Structure formats: C-alpha cells, structure tokens
Amino acid sequence: MSRARAINGDVLVFSHGHFLRVLAAHWLGLDAAAGRYFLLSTASLSALGYEENLAEPAIRLWDETRHVGT
C-alpha cells in the first residue's frame, strides 16, 4: 500500500476479488476482515482515491459492471 501511495500518478491493479476487497478495506484504514463487506462482481471496475487530500482515502467507484454485456 505504501508503494502505491508513494507513486505520483495513477496505479492500475488487476487481481482476484478477494484480494481487492481486502485492499479496499486497508485503503480506508479498516481491518482486513472488513473486506467481507465490499462485494465485487466478475469483471467489475472499481477506483480508490481521495476525498479532498491524501489524508482522506475514499472509494470513488465500486463494482461497476455497465461495460459487461448481459
């Protein structure tokens, strides 16, 4: 997490949903077990970012699936 935050720009991560749920929890400063509350669909898009500044991590987009055909 510290390596991603240290990059001056965007970071792209492709991974398994279970890992990404833990990543989101950690990003928000929550315990890894809180990842169970962040459900993800197959092939969904999500974006982590900041509210106002680097001290305010936020989820900007979560489980977006409009790009996936029905």
N, C-alpha and C. Protein backbone atom coordinates (compact mmCIF):
# COMPACT_ATOMS: atom_id res chain seq x y z
N MET A 1 0.82 -1.17 0.00
CA MET A 1 0.00 0.00 0.00
C MET A 1 0.87 1.25 0.00
N SER A 2 1.93 1.25 0.78
CA SER A 2 2.80 2.42 0.84
C SER A 2 3.47 2.69 -0.51
N ARG A 3 3.80 1.64 -1.25
CA ARG A 3 4.41 1.83 -2.58
C ARG A 3 3.43 2.47 -3.54
N ALA A 4 2.17 2.05 -3.50
CA ALA A 4 1.16 2.63 -4.38
C ALA A 4 0.90 4.09 -4.03
N ARG A 5 0.82 4.39 -2.74
CA ARG A 5 0.58 5.77 -2.30
C ARG A 5 1.75 6.69 -2.64
N ALA A 6 2.95 6.13 -2.72
CA ALA A 6 4.14 6.94 -2.98
C ALA A 6 4.27 7.34 -4.45
N ILE A 7 3.55 6.69 -5.34
CA ILE A 7 3.64 6.99 -6.77
C ILE A 7 2.89 8.28 -7.06
N ASN A 8 3.52 9.16 -7.80
CA ASN A 8 2.89 10.42 -8.17
C ASN A 8 2.12 10.21 -9.47
N GLY A 9 0.94 9.61 -9.36
CA GLY A 9 0.13 9.32 -10.53
C GLY A 9 -0.79 8.15 -10.24
N ASP A 10 -1.42 7.66 -11.28
CA ASP A 10 -2.38 6.57 -11.13
C ASP A 10 -1.67 5.22 -11.06
N VAL A 11 -2.30 4.28 -10.37
CA VAL A 11 -1.81 2.91 -10.27
C VAL A 11 -2.95 1.99 -10.70
N LEU A 12 -2.67 1.03 -11.54
CA LEU A 12 -3.66 0.09 -12.03
C LEU A 12 -3.37 -1.29 -11.45
N VAL A 13 -4.40 -1.92 -10.87
CA VAL A 13 -4.23 -3.24 -10.26
C VAL A 13 -5.28 -4.18 -10.84
N PHE A 14 -4.85 -5.33 -11.32
CA PHE A 14 -5.73 -6.40 -11.73
C PHE A 14 -5.53 -7.53 -10.73
N SER A 15 -6.61 -8.04 -10.17
CA SER A 15 -6.42 -9.09 -9.18
C SER A 15 -7.71 -9.85 -8.94
N HIS A 16 -7.62 -10.83 -8.09
CA HIS A 16 -8.76 -11.62 -7.66
C HIS A 16 -9.62 -10.77 -6.72
N GLY A 17 -10.92 -10.97 -6.77
CA GLY A 17 -11.85 -10.19 -5.98
C GLY A 17 -11.59 -10.22 -4.49
N HIS A 18 -11.19 -11.38 -3.95
CA HIS A 18 -10.94 -11.46 -2.51
C HIS A 18 -9.80 -10.53 -2.10
N PHE A 19 -8.74 -10.51 -2.90
CA PHE A 19 -7.63 -9.61 -2.60
C PHE A 19 -8.07 -8.15 -2.71
N LEU A 20 -8.85 -7.82 -3.73
CA LEU A 20 -9.26 -6.44 -3.93
C LEU A 20 -10.18 -5.95 -2.82
N ARG A 21 -10.98 -6.85 -2.27
CA ARG A 21 -11.84 -6.46 -1.15
C ARG A 21 -11.01 -6.12 0.08
N VAL A 22 -9.96 -6.89 0.34
CA VAL A 22 -9.06 -6.60 1.46
C VAL A 22 -8.29 -5.31 1.18
N LEU A 23 -7.88 -5.11 -0.07
CA LEU A 23 -7.19 -3.89 -0.45
C LEU A 23 -8.05 -2.66 -0.17
N ALA A 24 -9.33 -2.72 -0.53
CA ALA A 24 -10.23 -1.59 -0.29
C ALA A 24 -10.37 -1.31 1.21
N ALA A 25 -10.52 -2.36 1.99
CA ALA A 25 -10.62 -2.18 3.44
C ALA A 25 -9.36 -1.52 3.99
N HIS A 26 -8.22 -2.02 3.56
CA HIS A 26 -6.94 -1.47 4.02
C HIS A 26 -6.78 -0.02 3.58
N TRP A 27 -7.19 0.28 2.35
CA TRP A 27 -7.11 1.64 1.81
C TRP A 27 -7.85 2.63 2.71
N LEU A 28 -8.99 2.18 3.24
CA LEU A 28 -9.81 3.04 4.11
C LEU A 28 -9.36 3.03 5.56
N GLY A 29 -8.32 2.28 5.87
CA GLY A 29 -7.83 2.21 7.23
C GLY A 29 -8.57 1.22 8.09
N LEU A 30 -9.32 0.31 7.47
CA LEU A 30 -10.08 -0.71 8.19
C LEU A 30 -9.27 -1.99 8.31
N ASP A 31 -9.68 -2.85 9.21
CA ASP A 31 -9.08 -4.16 9.36
C ASP A 31 -9.36 -4.98 8.09
N ALA A 32 -8.44 -5.85 7.74
CA ALA A 32 -8.61 -6.67 6.53
C ALA A 32 -9.92 -7.45 6.51
N ALA A 33 -10.39 -7.88 7.67
CA ALA A 33 -11.65 -8.63 7.75
C ALA A 33 -12.84 -7.82 7.28
N ALA A 34 -12.74 -6.50 7.29
CA ALA A 34 -13.84 -5.65 6.81
C ALA A 34 -14.05 -5.80 5.31
N GLY A 35 -13.09 -6.39 4.61
CA GLY A 35 -13.24 -6.62 3.18
C GLY A 35 -14.45 -7.46 2.83
N ARG A 36 -14.95 -8.24 3.77
CA ARG A 36 -16.13 -9.07 3.50
C ARG A 36 -17.37 -8.23 3.19
N TYR A 37 -17.35 -6.95 3.54
CA TYR A 37 -18.50 -6.08 3.29
C TYR A 37 -18.47 -5.43 1.91
N PHE A 38 -17.37 -5.58 1.19
CA PHE A 38 -17.20 -4.98 -0.13
C PHE A 38 -17.38 -6.04 -1.20
N LEU A 39 -18.58 -6.26 -1.65
CA LEU A 39 -18.84 -7.29 -2.65
C LEU A 39 -18.38 -6.82 -4.03
N LEU A 40 -17.91 -7.78 -4.83
CA LEU A 40 -17.45 -7.49 -6.18
C LEU A 40 -18.03 -8.51 -7.16
N SER A 41 -18.47 -8.03 -8.29
CA SER A 41 -18.93 -8.89 -9.38
C SER A 41 -17.75 -9.23 -10.29
N THR A 42 -17.88 -10.28 -11.06
CA THR A 42 -16.86 -10.67 -12.03
C THR A 42 -16.68 -9.57 -13.06
N ALA A 43 -15.45 -9.24 -13.37
CA ALA A 43 -15.07 -8.25 -14.38
C ALA A 43 -15.53 -6.84 -14.05
N SER A 44 -15.77 -6.56 -12.78
CA SER A 44 -16.20 -5.22 -12.40
C SER A 44 -15.01 -4.27 -12.31
N LEU A 45 -15.30 -2.99 -12.37
CA LEU A 45 -14.29 -1.95 -12.23
C LEU A 45 -14.52 -1.22 -10.91
N SER A 46 -13.44 -0.85 -10.26
CA SER A 46 -13.51 -0.08 -9.03
C SER A 46 -12.36 0.92 -9.04
N ALA A 47 -12.52 2.01 -8.30
CA ALA A 47 -11.46 3.02 -8.22
C ALA A 47 -11.35 3.54 -6.81
N LEU A 48 -10.14 3.51 -6.30
CA LEU A 48 -9.86 4.09 -4.99
C LEU A 48 -9.21 5.44 -5.23
N GLY A 49 -9.46 6.36 -4.34
CA GLY A 49 -8.88 7.70 -4.49
C GLY A 49 -8.92 8.43 -3.17
N TYR A 50 -9.09 9.73 -3.26
CA TYR A 50 -9.08 10.59 -2.08
C TYR A 50 -10.26 11.55 -2.14
N GLU A 51 -10.75 11.94 -0.96
CA GLU A 51 -11.85 12.90 -0.87
C GLU A 51 -11.35 14.31 -1.21
N GLU A 52 -10.56 14.88 -0.34
CA GLU A 52 -10.04 16.24 -0.56
C GLU A 52 -8.51 16.26 -0.66
N ASN A 53 -7.86 15.37 0.09
CA ASN A 53 -6.40 15.36 0.11
C ASN A 53 -5.92 13.94 0.43
N LEU A 54 -4.63 13.75 0.44
CA LEU A 54 -4.06 12.42 0.64
C LEU A 54 -4.36 11.81 2.01
N ALA A 55 -4.81 12.61 2.94
CA ALA A 55 -5.15 12.11 4.27
C ALA A 55 -6.58 11.58 4.34
N GLU A 56 -7.32 11.68 3.24
CA GLU A 56 -8.73 11.28 3.22
C GLU A 56 -9.00 10.24 2.13
N PRO A 57 -8.54 9.00 2.30
CA PRO A 57 -8.79 7.97 1.30
C PRO A 57 -10.28 7.71 1.15
N ALA A 58 -10.70 7.39 -0.06
CA ALA A 58 -12.12 7.17 -0.34
C ALA A 58 -12.28 6.16 -1.47
N ILE A 59 -13.44 5.56 -1.56
CA ILE A 59 -13.79 4.71 -2.70
C ILE A 59 -14.54 5.60 -3.69
N ARG A 60 -13.97 5.79 -4.86
CA ARG A 60 -14.55 6.67 -5.87
C ARG A 60 -15.53 5.92 -6.78
N LEU A 61 -15.29 4.64 -6.98
CA LEU A 61 -16.14 3.80 -7.82
C LEU A 61 -16.03 2.39 -7.29
N TRP A 62 -17.15 1.67 -7.24
CA TRP A 62 -17.08 0.30 -6.73
C TRP A 62 -18.03 -0.61 -7.49
N ASP A 63 -17.52 -1.73 -7.95
CA ASP A 63 -18.28 -2.80 -8.58
C ASP A 63 -19.08 -2.34 -9.79
N GLU A 64 -18.48 -1.51 -10.61
CA GLU A 64 -19.10 -1.01 -11.83
C GLU A 64 -19.11 -2.11 -12.89
N THR A 65 -20.27 -2.46 -13.40
CA THR A 65 -20.38 -3.55 -14.38
C THR A 65 -21.14 -3.14 -15.64
N ARG A 66 -21.39 -1.87 -15.86
CA ARG A 66 -22.14 -1.45 -17.07
C ARG A 66 -21.45 -1.84 -18.36
N HIS A 67 -20.13 -1.99 -18.34
CA HIS A 67 -19.35 -2.34 -19.53
C HIS A 67 -19.47 -3.83 -19.89
N VAL A 68 -20.01 -4.63 -18.98
CA VAL A 68 -20.13 -6.07 -19.19
C VAL A 68 -21.46 -6.36 -19.91
N GLY A 69 -21.40 -7.10 -21.00
CA GLY A 69 -22.61 -7.46 -21.73
C GLY A 69 -23.50 -8.37 -20.92
N THR A 70 -24.79 -8.27 -21.14
CA THR A 70 -25.72 -9.11 -20.38
C THR A 70 -25.93 -10.46 -21.02
